């Protein structure tokens, strides 16, 4: 009986999300005007440099839930359906490069490149619990895994859901892309300099969840090589 109730709830959510895909749905805004599924609080004019040498300008933002570049045309929201045709997107003075169907932000370009894959998980807001906290059903992040086929419009996020940022960092070393999510995983990328890197992290109090610290750390590693 419990399984039937859960399956019924999932069908309702999925039906709600896909109802009216042929119609236009504007992105949901918070009370301050921001849109929780997007990397930036506002759509901004950006420069898109194509691989064929052409340069285009348009208002864009990055949807962290679908991991797609989104642009506005005639007050309508569209996904960039051919990201592989783009070479670089310059958005809010930040640099993004395509990788398959998604984009990475380039935090540092050098002997060793540092990139971040901006990801967001769509989770239920949760019910209030003791001491001012909330509870969330972890399995409900299945919504973030629904594939939106190219050409479809962006969907509104239900009011009772939140977007939890879950970025993945990448190192490009000797033309190899290696992901990491914490200090221990980062150090394993440079086994030949483990002692030096640990000493640098301790001396400068490096935190691998801070962009500025990571950039400083990768620059140091590039100098070692």
N, C-alpha and C. Protein backbone atom coordinates (compact mmCIF):
# COMPACT_ATOMS: atom_id res chain seq x y z
N UNK A 1 0.83 -1.20 0.00
CA UNK A 1 0.00 0.00 0.00
C UNK A 1 0.87 1.26 0.00
N UNK A 2 1.92 1.26 0.81
CA UNK A 2 2.83 2.39 0.90
C UNK A 2 3.52 2.63 -0.43
N UNK A 3 3.94 1.54 -1.10
CA UNK A 3 4.59 1.66 -2.40
C UNK A 3 3.66 2.31 -3.42
N UNK A 4 2.36 1.93 -3.38
CA UNK A 4 1.38 2.49 -4.32
C UNK A 4 1.23 4.00 -4.10
N UNK A 5 1.23 4.42 -2.84
CA UNK A 5 1.10 5.86 -2.53
C UNK A 5 2.31 6.62 -3.05
N UNK A 6 3.52 6.07 -2.84
CA UNK A 6 4.75 6.72 -3.31
C UNK A 6 4.75 6.83 -4.83
N UNK A 7 4.39 5.71 -5.51
CA UNK A 7 4.37 5.73 -6.97
C UNK A 7 3.35 6.72 -7.49
N UNK A 8 2.21 6.83 -6.79
CA UNK A 8 1.17 7.78 -7.20
C UNK A 8 1.70 9.22 -7.08
N UNK A 9 2.42 9.49 -5.98
CA UNK A 9 2.98 10.82 -5.78
C UNK A 9 4.00 11.16 -6.86
N UNK A 10 4.86 10.18 -7.22
CA UNK A 10 5.86 10.40 -8.26
C UNK A 10 5.18 10.72 -9.59
N UNK A 11 4.08 9.97 -9.92
CA UNK A 11 3.38 10.21 -11.18
C UNK A 11 2.80 11.62 -11.21
N UNK A 12 2.30 12.09 -10.07
CA UNK A 12 1.72 13.44 -10.00
C UNK A 12 2.80 14.49 -10.27
N UNK A 13 3.97 14.32 -9.61
CA UNK A 13 5.05 15.28 -9.78
C UNK A 13 5.53 15.31 -11.23
N UNK A 14 5.78 14.12 -11.81
CA UNK A 14 6.28 14.05 -13.18
C UNK A 14 5.27 14.63 -14.15
N UNK A 15 3.98 14.31 -13.94
CA UNK A 15 2.94 14.86 -14.81
C UNK A 15 2.90 16.37 -14.72
N UNK A 16 3.02 16.88 -13.50
CA UNK A 16 3.01 18.33 -13.32
C UNK A 16 4.18 18.98 -14.03
N UNK A 17 5.36 18.35 -13.93
CA UNK A 17 6.55 18.94 -14.54
C UNK A 17 6.48 18.93 -16.07
N UNK A 18 5.84 17.94 -16.65
CA UNK A 18 5.84 17.83 -18.09
C UNK A 18 4.55 18.29 -18.75
N UNK A 19 3.54 18.64 -17.96
CA UNK A 19 2.31 19.16 -18.54
C UNK A 19 2.58 20.52 -19.17
N UNK A 20 2.15 20.69 -20.41
CA UNK A 20 2.29 21.98 -21.07
C UNK A 20 3.69 22.27 -21.54
N UNK A 21 4.46 21.24 -21.90
CA UNK A 21 5.80 21.48 -22.41
C UNK A 21 5.77 22.27 -23.71
N UNK A 22 4.68 22.18 -24.42
CA UNK A 22 4.58 22.91 -25.67
C UNK A 22 4.25 24.37 -25.45
N UNK A 23 3.89 24.73 -24.20
CA UNK A 23 3.60 26.12 -23.89
C UNK A 23 4.81 26.75 -23.24
N UNK A 24 4.78 28.05 -23.08
CA UNK A 24 5.91 28.76 -22.50
C UNK A 24 5.75 28.89 -21.01
N UNK A 25 6.83 28.56 -20.27
CA UNK A 25 6.81 28.69 -18.82
C UNK A 25 7.98 29.57 -18.42
N UNK A 26 7.71 30.65 -17.73
CA UNK A 26 8.79 31.52 -17.29
C UNK A 26 9.44 30.92 -16.05
N UNK A 27 10.72 31.28 -15.83
CA UNK A 27 11.45 30.74 -14.68
C UNK A 27 10.89 31.31 -13.39
N UNK A 28 10.80 30.45 -12.36
CA UNK A 28 10.28 30.88 -11.07
C UNK A 28 11.23 31.87 -10.41
N UNK A 29 10.70 32.89 -9.77
CA UNK A 29 11.51 33.88 -9.08
C UNK A 29 11.24 33.83 -7.59
N UNK A 30 12.28 34.11 -6.80
CA UNK A 30 12.10 34.28 -5.37
C UNK A 30 11.56 35.68 -5.11
N UNK A 31 11.26 35.96 -3.85
CA UNK A 31 10.70 37.26 -3.50
C UNK A 31 11.67 38.40 -3.81
N UNK A 32 12.98 38.12 -3.82
CA UNK A 32 13.95 39.16 -4.14
C UNK A 32 14.21 39.27 -5.63
N UNK A 33 13.46 38.49 -6.43
CA UNK A 33 13.61 38.55 -7.88
C UNK A 33 14.61 37.55 -8.43
N UNK A 34 15.33 36.84 -7.58
CA UNK A 34 16.30 35.86 -8.05
C UNK A 34 15.60 34.57 -8.48
N UNK A 35 16.30 33.75 -9.26
CA UNK A 35 15.75 32.50 -9.75
C UNK A 35 16.62 31.36 -9.24
N UNK A 36 16.12 30.52 -8.35
CA UNK A 36 16.96 29.57 -7.61
C UNK A 36 17.66 28.53 -8.46
N UNK A 37 17.13 28.20 -9.64
CA UNK A 37 17.77 27.19 -10.46
C UNK A 37 18.95 27.75 -11.27
N UNK A 38 19.13 29.06 -11.25
CA UNK A 38 20.17 29.67 -12.07
C UNK A 38 21.39 30.07 -11.25
N UNK A 39 22.53 30.04 -11.91
CA UNK A 39 23.80 30.35 -11.26
C UNK A 39 23.86 31.81 -10.82
N UNK A 40 23.32 32.70 -11.65
CA UNK A 40 23.34 34.13 -11.35
C UNK A 40 21.92 34.62 -11.05
N UNK A 41 21.80 35.65 -10.22
CA UNK A 41 20.47 36.13 -9.85
C UNK A 41 19.70 36.77 -11.00
N UNK A 42 20.41 37.20 -12.05
CA UNK A 42 19.76 37.84 -13.18
C UNK A 42 20.33 37.31 -14.49
N UNK A 43 19.54 37.36 -15.55
CA UNK A 43 20.06 37.12 -16.89
C UNK A 43 20.85 38.36 -17.31
N UNK A 44 22.02 38.15 -17.91
CA UNK A 44 22.88 39.26 -18.29
C UNK A 44 23.35 39.07 -19.72
N UNK A 45 23.67 40.20 -20.36
CA UNK A 45 24.19 40.12 -21.72
C UNK A 45 25.56 39.44 -21.70
N UNK A 46 25.75 38.50 -22.59
CA UNK A 46 27.01 37.77 -22.64
C UNK A 46 27.52 37.73 -24.07
N UNK A 47 28.74 37.28 -24.19
CA UNK A 47 29.36 37.12 -25.51
C UNK A 47 29.61 35.63 -25.74
N UNK A 48 29.09 35.13 -26.84
CA UNK A 48 29.27 33.72 -27.20
C UNK A 48 30.19 33.65 -28.41
N UNK A 49 31.35 33.11 -28.23
CA UNK A 49 32.29 32.92 -29.34
C UNK A 49 32.13 31.51 -29.89
N UNK A 50 31.76 31.44 -31.17
CA UNK A 50 31.52 30.17 -31.81
C UNK A 50 32.82 29.59 -32.38
N UNK A 51 32.83 28.29 -32.59
CA UNK A 51 34.02 27.64 -33.13
C UNK A 51 34.29 28.05 -34.58
N UNK A 52 33.25 28.54 -35.28
CA UNK A 52 33.45 28.99 -36.66
C UNK A 52 33.95 30.43 -36.74
N UNK A 53 34.22 31.04 -35.56
CA UNK A 53 34.76 32.39 -35.53
C UNK A 53 33.72 33.47 -35.32
N UNK A 54 32.45 33.16 -35.44
CA UNK A 54 31.41 34.15 -35.23
C UNK A 54 31.27 34.48 -33.75
N UNK A 55 30.80 35.68 -33.47
CA UNK A 55 30.56 36.12 -32.09
C UNK A 55 29.12 36.60 -31.99
N UNK A 56 28.39 36.10 -31.00
CA UNK A 56 27.00 36.48 -30.79
C UNK A 56 26.83 37.06 -29.39
N UNK A 57 25.89 38.00 -29.26
CA UNK A 57 25.56 38.58 -27.96
C UNK A 57 24.11 38.30 -27.64
N UNK A 58 23.82 37.90 -26.41
CA UNK A 58 22.46 37.61 -25.98
C UNK A 58 22.40 37.60 -24.47
N UNK A 59 21.19 37.71 -23.93
CA UNK A 59 21.01 37.63 -22.48
C UNK A 59 20.96 36.16 -22.07
N UNK A 60 21.85 35.77 -21.15
CA UNK A 60 21.96 34.36 -20.79
C UNK A 60 22.12 34.18 -19.29
N UNK A 61 21.96 32.92 -18.86
CA UNK A 61 22.21 32.49 -17.50
C UNK A 61 22.47 30.99 -17.57
N UNK A 62 22.92 30.40 -16.47
CA UNK A 62 23.21 28.96 -16.47
C UNK A 62 22.29 28.25 -15.49
N UNK A 63 21.52 27.29 -16.00
CA UNK A 63 20.61 26.51 -15.18
C UNK A 63 21.39 25.37 -14.54
N UNK A 64 21.59 25.42 -13.22
CA UNK A 64 22.41 24.42 -12.54
C UNK A 64 21.69 23.08 -12.38
N UNK A 65 20.37 23.08 -12.48
CA UNK A 65 19.61 21.83 -12.33
C UNK A 65 19.67 21.02 -13.62
N UNK A 66 19.46 21.69 -14.76
CA UNK A 66 19.52 20.99 -16.06
C UNK A 66 20.92 21.02 -16.65
N UNK A 67 21.80 21.85 -16.07
CA UNK A 67 23.17 22.06 -16.55
C UNK A 67 23.19 22.49 -18.02
N UNK A 68 22.37 23.49 -18.33
CA UNK A 68 22.30 24.02 -19.68
C UNK A 68 22.40 25.54 -19.65
N UNK A 69 23.03 26.10 -20.68
CA UNK A 69 22.99 27.53 -20.89
C UNK A 69 21.60 27.90 -21.39
N UNK A 70 21.05 28.96 -20.82
CA UNK A 70 19.70 29.39 -21.17
C UNK A 70 19.75 30.83 -21.66
N UNK A 71 19.06 31.11 -22.75
CA UNK A 71 19.03 32.48 -23.25
C UNK A 71 17.59 32.94 -23.42
N UNK A 72 17.43 34.26 -23.44
CA UNK A 72 16.12 34.87 -23.59
C UNK A 72 16.00 35.46 -24.99
N UNK A 73 14.88 35.17 -25.62
CA UNK A 73 14.58 35.77 -26.92
C UNK A 73 13.10 36.10 -26.95
N UNK A 74 12.79 37.36 -27.18
CA UNK A 74 11.39 37.80 -27.19
C UNK A 74 10.67 37.42 -25.90
N UNK A 75 11.39 37.61 -24.77
CA UNK A 75 10.84 37.34 -23.44
C UNK A 75 10.49 35.87 -23.22
N UNK A 76 11.12 34.98 -23.98
CA UNK A 76 10.92 33.54 -23.82
C UNK A 76 12.27 32.90 -23.50
N UNK A 77 12.22 31.81 -22.72
CA UNK A 77 13.43 31.14 -22.26
C UNK A 77 13.70 29.91 -23.11
N UNK A 78 14.96 29.79 -23.60
CA UNK A 78 15.34 28.65 -24.43
C UNK A 78 16.66 28.06 -23.94
N UNK A 79 16.79 26.74 -24.04
CA UNK A 79 18.07 26.10 -23.79
C UNK A 79 18.96 26.23 -25.03
N UNK A 80 20.27 26.36 -24.82
CA UNK A 80 21.22 26.28 -25.93
C UNK A 80 21.32 24.79 -26.30
N UNK A 81 20.83 24.45 -27.48
CA UNK A 81 20.70 23.04 -27.83
C UNK A 81 21.94 22.46 -28.51
N UNK A 82 22.86 23.32 -28.95
CA UNK A 82 24.07 22.83 -29.59
C UNK A 82 25.31 23.44 -28.92
N UNK A 83 25.54 23.13 -27.66
CA UNK A 83 26.67 23.75 -26.96
C UNK A 83 28.02 23.41 -27.58
N UNK A 84 28.10 22.28 -28.30
CA UNK A 84 29.37 21.89 -28.90
C UNK A 84 29.80 22.83 -30.03
N UNK A 85 28.86 23.67 -30.51
CA UNK A 85 29.20 24.63 -31.55
C UNK A 85 29.86 25.88 -30.97
N UNK A 86 29.74 26.04 -29.66
CA UNK A 86 30.34 27.20 -28.99
C UNK A 86 31.77 26.87 -28.57
N UNK A 87 32.62 27.87 -28.63
CA UNK A 87 33.99 27.70 -28.14
C UNK A 87 34.08 28.20 -26.69
N UNK A 88 33.54 29.40 -26.44
CA UNK A 88 33.61 30.02 -25.12
C UNK A 88 32.41 30.93 -24.92
N UNK A 89 31.89 30.94 -23.71
CA UNK A 89 30.84 31.89 -23.33
C UNK A 89 31.40 32.77 -22.22
N UNK A 90 31.35 34.08 -22.44
CA UNK A 90 31.80 35.03 -21.42
C UNK A 90 30.55 35.65 -20.80
N UNK A 91 30.31 35.32 -19.54
CA UNK A 91 29.10 35.72 -18.84
C UNK A 91 29.46 36.32 -17.49
N UNK A 92 29.07 37.58 -17.26
CA UNK A 92 29.37 38.27 -16.00
C UNK A 92 30.87 38.23 -15.68
N UNK A 93 31.67 38.49 -16.71
CA UNK A 93 33.14 38.53 -16.56
C UNK A 93 33.70 37.18 -16.13
N UNK A 94 32.99 36.11 -16.43
CA UNK A 94 33.46 34.76 -16.13
C UNK A 94 33.44 33.93 -17.41
N UNK A 95 34.32 32.97 -17.48
CA UNK A 95 34.55 32.21 -18.71
C UNK A 95 34.00 30.79 -18.57
N UNK A 96 33.18 30.37 -19.55
CA UNK A 96 32.60 29.04 -19.56
C UNK A 96 32.94 28.34 -20.88
N UNK A 97 33.27 27.06 -20.78
CA UNK A 97 33.61 26.28 -21.98
C UNK A 97 32.73 25.03 -22.02
N UNK A 98 32.30 24.61 -23.21
CA UNK A 98 31.43 23.44 -23.31
C UNK A 98 32.20 22.14 -23.12
N UNK A 99 31.50 21.17 -22.58
CA UNK A 99 32.03 19.81 -22.46
C UNK A 99 30.85 18.86 -22.63
N UNK A 100 30.70 18.33 -23.83
CA UNK A 100 29.52 17.53 -24.12
C UNK A 100 28.28 18.40 -24.12
N UNK A 101 27.30 18.04 -23.29
CA UNK A 101 26.03 18.78 -23.23
C UNK A 101 26.05 19.90 -22.20
N UNK A 102 27.13 19.99 -21.40
CA UNK A 102 27.16 20.95 -20.29
C UNK A 102 28.31 21.94 -20.48
N UNK A 103 28.43 22.87 -19.53
CA UNK A 103 29.52 23.84 -19.54
C UNK A 103 30.28 23.76 -18.22
N UNK A 104 31.59 24.00 -18.31
CA UNK A 104 32.42 24.17 -17.12
C UNK A 104 32.83 25.64 -17.05
N UNK A 105 32.89 26.16 -15.83
CA UNK A 105 33.47 27.49 -15.65
C UNK A 105 34.97 27.34 -15.45
N UNK A 106 35.76 28.14 -16.16
CA UNK A 106 37.21 28.11 -16.03
C UNK A 106 37.62 29.06 -14.93
N UNK A 107 38.09 28.51 -13.84
CA UNK A 107 38.55 29.33 -12.71
C UNK A 107 40.01 29.74 -12.88
N UNK A 108 40.78 28.88 -13.54
CA UNK A 108 42.19 29.16 -13.75
C UNK A 108 42.66 28.43 -15.01
N UNK A 109 43.33 29.17 -15.89
CA UNK A 109 43.94 28.57 -17.08
C UNK A 109 45.45 28.74 -16.96
N UNK A 110 46.16 27.65 -17.03
CA UNK A 110 47.61 27.72 -16.86
C UNK A 110 48.23 26.38 -17.17
N UNK A 111 49.40 26.14 -16.62
CA UNK A 111 50.00 24.81 -16.78
C UNK A 111 49.05 23.71 -16.30
N UNK A 112 48.29 24.04 -15.24
CA UNK A 112 47.23 23.17 -14.74
C UNK A 112 45.95 23.99 -14.71
N UNK A 113 44.92 23.49 -15.39
CA UNK A 113 43.64 24.20 -15.44
C UNK A 113 42.75 23.78 -14.28
N UNK A 114 42.02 24.75 -13.73
CA UNK A 114 41.04 24.49 -12.69
C UNK A 114 39.67 24.90 -13.20
N UNK A 115 38.72 23.97 -13.18
CA UNK A 115 37.38 24.23 -13.66
C UNK A 115 36.36 23.77 -12.62
N UNK A 116 35.15 24.33 -12.72
CA UNK A 116 34.09 23.90 -11.83
C UNK A 116 32.85 23.58 -12.66
N UNK A 117 32.24 22.47 -12.32
CA UNK A 117 30.98 22.06 -12.94
C UNK A 117 29.86 22.45 -11.97
N UNK A 118 29.10 23.46 -12.35
CA UNK A 118 28.04 23.95 -11.47
C UNK A 118 26.83 23.03 -11.58
N UNK A 119 26.49 22.40 -10.46
CA UNK A 119 25.35 21.48 -10.41
C UNK A 119 24.42 21.88 -9.28
N UNK A 120 23.14 21.66 -9.49
CA UNK A 120 22.17 21.92 -8.45
C UNK A 120 21.18 20.78 -8.35
N UNK A 121 20.92 20.32 -7.15
CA UNK A 121 19.94 19.26 -6.92
C UNK A 121 18.62 19.88 -6.47
N UNK A 122 17.54 19.42 -7.08
CA UNK A 122 16.22 19.91 -6.74
C UNK A 122 15.65 19.03 -5.63
N UNK A 123 15.42 19.64 -4.47
CA UNK A 123 14.98 18.89 -3.29
C UNK A 123 13.70 19.51 -2.71
N UNK A 124 12.88 18.69 -2.09
CA UNK A 124 11.72 19.25 -1.40
C UNK A 124 12.18 20.13 -0.26
N UNK A 125 11.47 21.22 -0.01
CA UNK A 125 11.88 22.18 1.01
C UNK A 125 11.93 21.54 2.40
N UNK A 126 11.12 20.49 2.62
CA UNK A 126 11.15 19.79 3.90
C UNK A 126 10.15 20.33 4.88
N UNK A 127 9.84 19.52 5.85
CA UNK A 127 8.89 19.91 6.89
C UNK A 127 9.64 20.35 8.14
N UNK A 128 9.12 21.33 8.86
CA UNK A 128 9.79 21.80 10.08
C UNK A 128 9.95 20.67 11.10
N UNK A 129 11.10 20.64 11.76
CA UNK A 129 11.35 19.68 12.84
C UNK A 129 11.84 20.47 14.04
N UNK A 130 12.25 19.77 15.07
CA UNK A 130 12.67 20.44 16.29
C UNK A 130 13.88 21.34 16.11
N UNK A 131 14.01 22.32 16.99
CA UNK A 131 15.14 23.23 17.04
C UNK A 131 15.31 24.05 15.76
N UNK A 132 14.19 24.32 15.09
CA UNK A 132 14.23 25.20 13.94
C UNK A 132 14.77 24.57 12.68
N UNK A 133 14.99 23.26 12.65
CA UNK A 133 15.53 22.60 11.47
C UNK A 133 14.43 22.13 10.53
N UNK A 134 14.84 21.48 9.45
CA UNK A 134 13.89 20.90 8.51
C UNK A 134 14.35 19.51 8.13
N UNK A 135 13.40 18.68 7.73
CA UNK A 135 13.74 17.34 7.27
C UNK A 135 13.45 17.25 5.79
N UNK A 136 14.29 16.51 5.07
CA UNK A 136 14.12 16.34 3.64
C UNK A 136 14.20 14.86 3.29
N UNK A 137 13.45 14.46 2.29
CA UNK A 137 13.50 13.09 1.81
C UNK A 137 14.56 13.03 0.74
N UNK A 138 15.71 12.44 1.06
CA UNK A 138 16.85 12.45 0.14
C UNK A 138 16.52 11.83 -1.21
N UNK A 139 15.69 10.80 -1.21
CA UNK A 139 15.39 10.12 -2.47
C UNK A 139 14.61 11.00 -3.42
N UNK A 140 14.05 12.11 -2.93
CA UNK A 140 13.24 12.95 -3.79
C UNK A 140 14.05 13.76 -4.78
N UNK A 141 15.40 13.69 -4.72
CA UNK A 141 16.16 14.44 -5.70
C UNK A 141 16.14 13.77 -7.07
N UNK A 142 15.29 12.73 -7.23
CA UNK A 142 15.09 12.13 -8.56
C UNK A 142 14.63 13.17 -9.55
N UNK A 143 14.00 14.24 -9.08
CA UNK A 143 13.49 15.27 -9.99
C UNK A 143 14.64 15.91 -10.75
N UNK A 144 15.81 16.06 -10.10
CA UNK A 144 16.93 16.70 -10.77
C UNK A 144 17.49 15.83 -11.88
N UNK A 145 17.11 14.57 -11.95
CA UNK A 145 17.65 13.68 -12.96
C UNK A 145 16.75 13.53 -14.17
N UNK A 146 15.59 14.20 -14.17
CA UNK A 146 14.71 14.16 -15.33
C UNK A 146 15.40 14.84 -16.49
N UNK A 147 15.49 14.17 -17.63
CA UNK A 147 16.18 14.72 -18.78
C UNK A 147 15.22 15.60 -19.59
N UNK A 148 15.62 16.86 -19.79
CA UNK A 148 14.84 17.75 -20.62
C UNK A 148 15.43 17.72 -22.02
N UNK A 149 14.68 17.22 -23.00
CA UNK A 149 15.19 17.10 -24.35
C UNK A 149 15.38 18.49 -24.96
N UNK A 150 16.36 18.57 -25.92
CA UNK A 150 16.63 19.86 -26.53
C UNK A 150 15.41 20.42 -27.23
N UNK A 151 15.30 21.73 -27.17
CA UNK A 151 14.18 22.40 -27.81
C UNK A 151 13.04 22.68 -26.86
N UNK A 152 13.03 22.07 -25.68
CA UNK A 152 11.96 22.32 -24.73
C UNK A 152 12.26 23.59 -23.94
N UNK A 153 11.20 24.21 -23.45
CA UNK A 153 11.36 25.42 -22.66
C UNK A 153 11.70 25.06 -21.21
N UNK A 154 12.28 26.04 -20.53
CA UNK A 154 12.59 25.82 -19.12
C UNK A 154 11.31 25.73 -18.30
N UNK A 155 11.38 24.87 -17.29
CA UNK A 155 10.22 24.62 -16.44
C UNK A 155 10.31 25.42 -15.16
N UNK A 156 9.17 25.77 -14.61
CA UNK A 156 9.14 26.40 -13.30
C UNK A 156 9.51 25.38 -12.23
N UNK A 157 10.13 25.86 -11.18
CA UNK A 157 10.41 25.01 -10.03
C UNK A 157 9.23 25.12 -9.07
N UNK A 158 8.67 23.98 -8.63
CA UNK A 158 7.54 24.04 -7.69
C UNK A 158 7.90 24.86 -6.46
N UNK A 159 6.93 25.58 -5.93
CA UNK A 159 7.19 26.50 -4.82
C UNK A 159 7.69 25.78 -3.57
N UNK A 160 7.37 24.49 -3.43
CA UNK A 160 7.77 23.77 -2.22
C UNK A 160 9.07 22.99 -2.42
N UNK A 161 9.88 23.41 -3.40
CA UNK A 161 11.18 22.77 -3.63
C UNK A 161 12.28 23.81 -3.57
N UNK A 162 13.48 23.37 -3.24
CA UNK A 162 14.65 24.23 -3.19
C UNK A 162 15.74 23.67 -4.09
N UNK A 163 16.72 24.51 -4.42
CA UNK A 163 17.86 24.07 -5.20
C UNK A 163 19.09 24.07 -4.31
N UNK A 164 19.72 22.92 -4.16
CA UNK A 164 20.92 22.78 -3.34
C UNK A 164 22.14 22.71 -4.25
N UNK A 165 23.04 23.65 -4.11
CA UNK A 165 24.25 23.68 -4.92
C UNK A 165 25.14 22.49 -4.59
N UNK A 166 25.65 21.83 -5.62
CA UNK A 166 26.50 20.64 -5.43
C UNK A 166 27.60 20.65 -6.50
N UNK A 167 28.50 21.64 -6.46
CA UNK A 167 29.51 21.78 -7.51
C UNK A 167 30.54 20.66 -7.48
N UNK A 168 31.09 20.38 -8.66
CA UNK A 168 32.18 19.41 -8.80
C UNK A 168 33.37 20.14 -9.42
N UNK A 169 34.53 20.01 -8.81
CA UNK A 169 35.73 20.68 -9.32
C UNK A 169 36.53 19.71 -10.18
N UNK A 170 37.21 20.28 -11.17
CA UNK A 170 37.99 19.49 -12.12
C UNK A 170 39.38 20.09 -12.29
N UNK A 171 40.36 19.21 -12.41
CA UNK A 171 41.73 19.58 -12.75
C UNK A 171 42.03 19.01 -14.13
N UNK A 172 42.58 19.86 -15.02
CA UNK A 172 43.05 19.34 -16.30
C UNK A 172 44.58 19.31 -16.23
N UNK A 173 45.11 18.10 -16.17
CA UNK A 173 46.54 17.90 -15.99
C UNK A 173 47.03 16.94 -17.07
N UNK A 174 47.99 17.40 -17.86
CA UNK A 174 48.50 16.57 -18.96
C UNK A 174 47.38 16.07 -19.87
N UNK A 175 46.45 17.00 -20.19
CA UNK A 175 45.31 16.71 -21.08
C UNK A 175 44.35 15.68 -20.50
N UNK A 176 44.44 15.43 -19.20
CA UNK A 176 43.51 14.51 -18.54
C UNK A 176 42.64 15.29 -17.55
N UNK A 177 41.33 15.04 -17.60
CA UNK A 177 40.39 15.69 -16.69
C UNK A 177 40.16 14.80 -15.47
N UNK A 178 40.41 15.36 -14.28
CA UNK A 178 40.26 14.61 -13.03
C UNK A 178 39.38 15.43 -12.09
N UNK A 179 38.33 14.81 -11.58
CA UNK A 179 37.42 15.51 -10.68
C UNK A 179 37.82 15.30 -9.22
N UNK A 180 37.45 16.25 -8.37
CA UNK A 180 37.67 16.11 -6.94
C UNK A 180 36.61 16.92 -6.21
N UNK A 181 36.34 16.54 -4.96
CA UNK A 181 35.32 17.23 -4.19
C UNK A 181 35.80 17.66 -2.81
N UNK A 182 37.03 17.26 -2.45
CA UNK A 182 37.55 17.63 -1.14
C UNK A 182 39.08 17.63 -1.17
N UNK A 183 39.67 18.02 -0.05
CA UNK A 183 41.13 18.14 0.03
C UNK A 183 41.83 16.81 -0.20
N UNK A 184 41.31 15.74 0.38
CA UNK A 184 41.95 14.43 0.24
C UNK A 184 42.00 14.00 -1.22
N UNK A 185 40.90 14.18 -1.94
CA UNK A 185 40.86 13.79 -3.35
C UNK A 185 41.80 14.67 -4.18
N UNK A 186 41.89 15.96 -3.82
CA UNK A 186 42.79 16.85 -4.55
C UNK A 186 44.24 16.39 -4.41
N UNK A 187 44.67 16.10 -3.21
CA UNK A 187 46.06 15.71 -2.97
C UNK A 187 46.43 14.46 -3.75
N UNK A 188 45.47 13.55 -3.93
CA UNK A 188 45.74 12.31 -4.67
C UNK A 188 46.05 12.56 -6.14
N UNK A 189 45.67 13.73 -6.64
CA UNK A 189 45.95 14.05 -8.04
C UNK A 189 47.43 14.32 -8.25
N UNK A 190 48.13 14.71 -7.16
CA UNK A 190 49.54 15.06 -7.24
C UNK A 190 50.35 14.21 -6.26
N UNK A 191 50.39 12.91 -6.47
CA UNK A 191 51.06 12.03 -5.49
C UNK A 191 52.55 12.31 -5.32
N UNK A 192 53.16 12.89 -6.36
CA UNK A 192 54.60 13.15 -6.29
C UNK A 192 54.93 14.34 -5.39
N UNK A 193 53.91 15.13 -5.04
CA UNK A 193 54.15 16.33 -4.22
C UNK A 193 53.25 16.37 -2.99
N UNK A 194 52.89 15.22 -2.48
CA UNK A 194 51.95 15.15 -1.36
C UNK A 194 52.42 15.96 -0.15
N UNK A 195 53.64 15.78 0.25
CA UNK A 195 54.16 16.45 1.45
C UNK A 195 54.16 17.96 1.27
N UNK A 196 54.63 18.43 0.12
CA UNK A 196 54.70 19.87 -0.14
C UNK A 196 53.30 20.49 -0.16
N UNK A 197 52.36 19.80 -0.80
CA UNK A 197 51.00 20.33 -0.91
C UNK A 197 50.33 20.38 0.46
N UNK A 198 50.51 19.35 1.25
CA UNK A 198 49.94 19.35 2.60
C UNK A 198 50.51 20.51 3.43
N UNK A 199 51.82 20.75 3.26
CA UNK A 199 52.46 21.85 3.99
C UNK A 199 51.91 23.20 3.55
N UNK A 200 51.68 23.35 2.24
CA UNK A 200 51.14 24.61 1.71
C UNK A 200 49.72 24.84 2.22
N UNK A 201 48.91 23.79 2.21
CA UNK A 201 47.53 23.89 2.69
C UNK A 201 47.49 24.30 4.16
N UNK A 202 48.38 23.72 4.95
CA UNK A 202 48.41 24.03 6.38
C UNK A 202 48.90 25.46 6.62
N UNK A 203 49.96 25.85 5.92
CA UNK A 203 50.56 27.17 6.13
C UNK A 203 49.60 28.29 5.76
N UNK A 204 48.89 28.13 4.65
CA UNK A 204 48.01 29.20 4.16
C UNK A 204 46.53 28.96 4.48
N UNK A 205 46.28 27.93 5.29
CA UNK A 205 44.92 27.63 5.74
C UNK A 205 43.94 27.52 4.57
N UNK A 206 44.35 26.72 3.60
CA UNK A 206 43.57 26.56 2.37
C UNK A 206 42.30 25.76 2.64
N UNK A 207 41.18 26.24 2.13
CA UNK A 207 39.91 25.52 2.17
C UNK A 207 39.50 25.19 0.73
N UNK A 208 39.32 23.93 0.45
CA UNK A 208 39.06 23.52 -0.93
C UNK A 208 37.62 23.77 -1.38
N UNK A 209 36.81 24.36 -0.51
CA UNK A 209 35.46 24.75 -0.94
C UNK A 209 35.37 26.24 -1.22
N UNK A 210 36.55 26.93 -1.21
CA UNK A 210 36.59 28.36 -1.53
C UNK A 210 37.35 28.56 -2.83
N UNK A 211 36.72 29.22 -3.78
CA UNK A 211 37.32 29.40 -5.10
C UNK A 211 38.69 30.06 -5.01
N UNK A 212 38.79 31.13 -4.24
CA UNK A 212 40.06 31.87 -4.16
C UNK A 212 41.18 30.99 -3.63
N UNK A 213 40.86 30.18 -2.63
CA UNK A 213 41.87 29.28 -2.06
C UNK A 213 42.30 28.22 -3.06
N UNK A 214 41.32 27.68 -3.79
CA UNK A 214 41.63 26.65 -4.78
C UNK A 214 42.53 27.19 -5.88
N UNK A 215 42.23 28.39 -6.33
CA UNK A 215 43.05 29.01 -7.38
C UNK A 215 44.49 29.18 -6.89
N UNK A 216 44.63 29.65 -5.66
CA UNK A 216 45.96 29.81 -5.07
C UNK A 216 46.69 28.46 -4.98
N UNK A 217 45.96 27.43 -4.60
CA UNK A 217 46.55 26.10 -4.45
C UNK A 217 46.98 25.52 -5.79
N UNK A 218 46.14 25.66 -6.81
CA UNK A 218 46.48 25.11 -8.12
C UNK A 218 47.66 25.86 -8.76
N UNK A 219 47.71 27.18 -8.53
CA UNK A 219 48.86 27.93 -9.01
C UNK A 219 50.15 27.41 -8.38
N UNK A 220 50.07 27.09 -7.10
CA UNK A 220 51.24 26.54 -6.39
C UNK A 220 51.64 25.20 -7.00
N UNK A 221 50.66 24.34 -7.25
CA UNK A 221 50.94 23.02 -7.83
C UNK A 221 51.53 23.16 -9.23
N UNK A 222 51.04 24.14 -10.00
CA UNK A 222 51.60 24.37 -11.33
C UNK A 222 53.04 24.76 -11.28
N UNK A 223 53.43 25.53 -10.26
CA UNK A 223 54.82 25.91 -10.10
C UNK A 223 55.70 24.74 -9.73
N UNK A 224 55.16 23.78 -8.99
CA UNK A 224 55.92 22.59 -8.60
C UNK A 224 56.27 21.74 -9.81
N UNK A 225 55.35 21.73 -10.81
CA UNK A 225 55.57 20.88 -11.99
C UNK A 225 56.38 21.58 -13.06
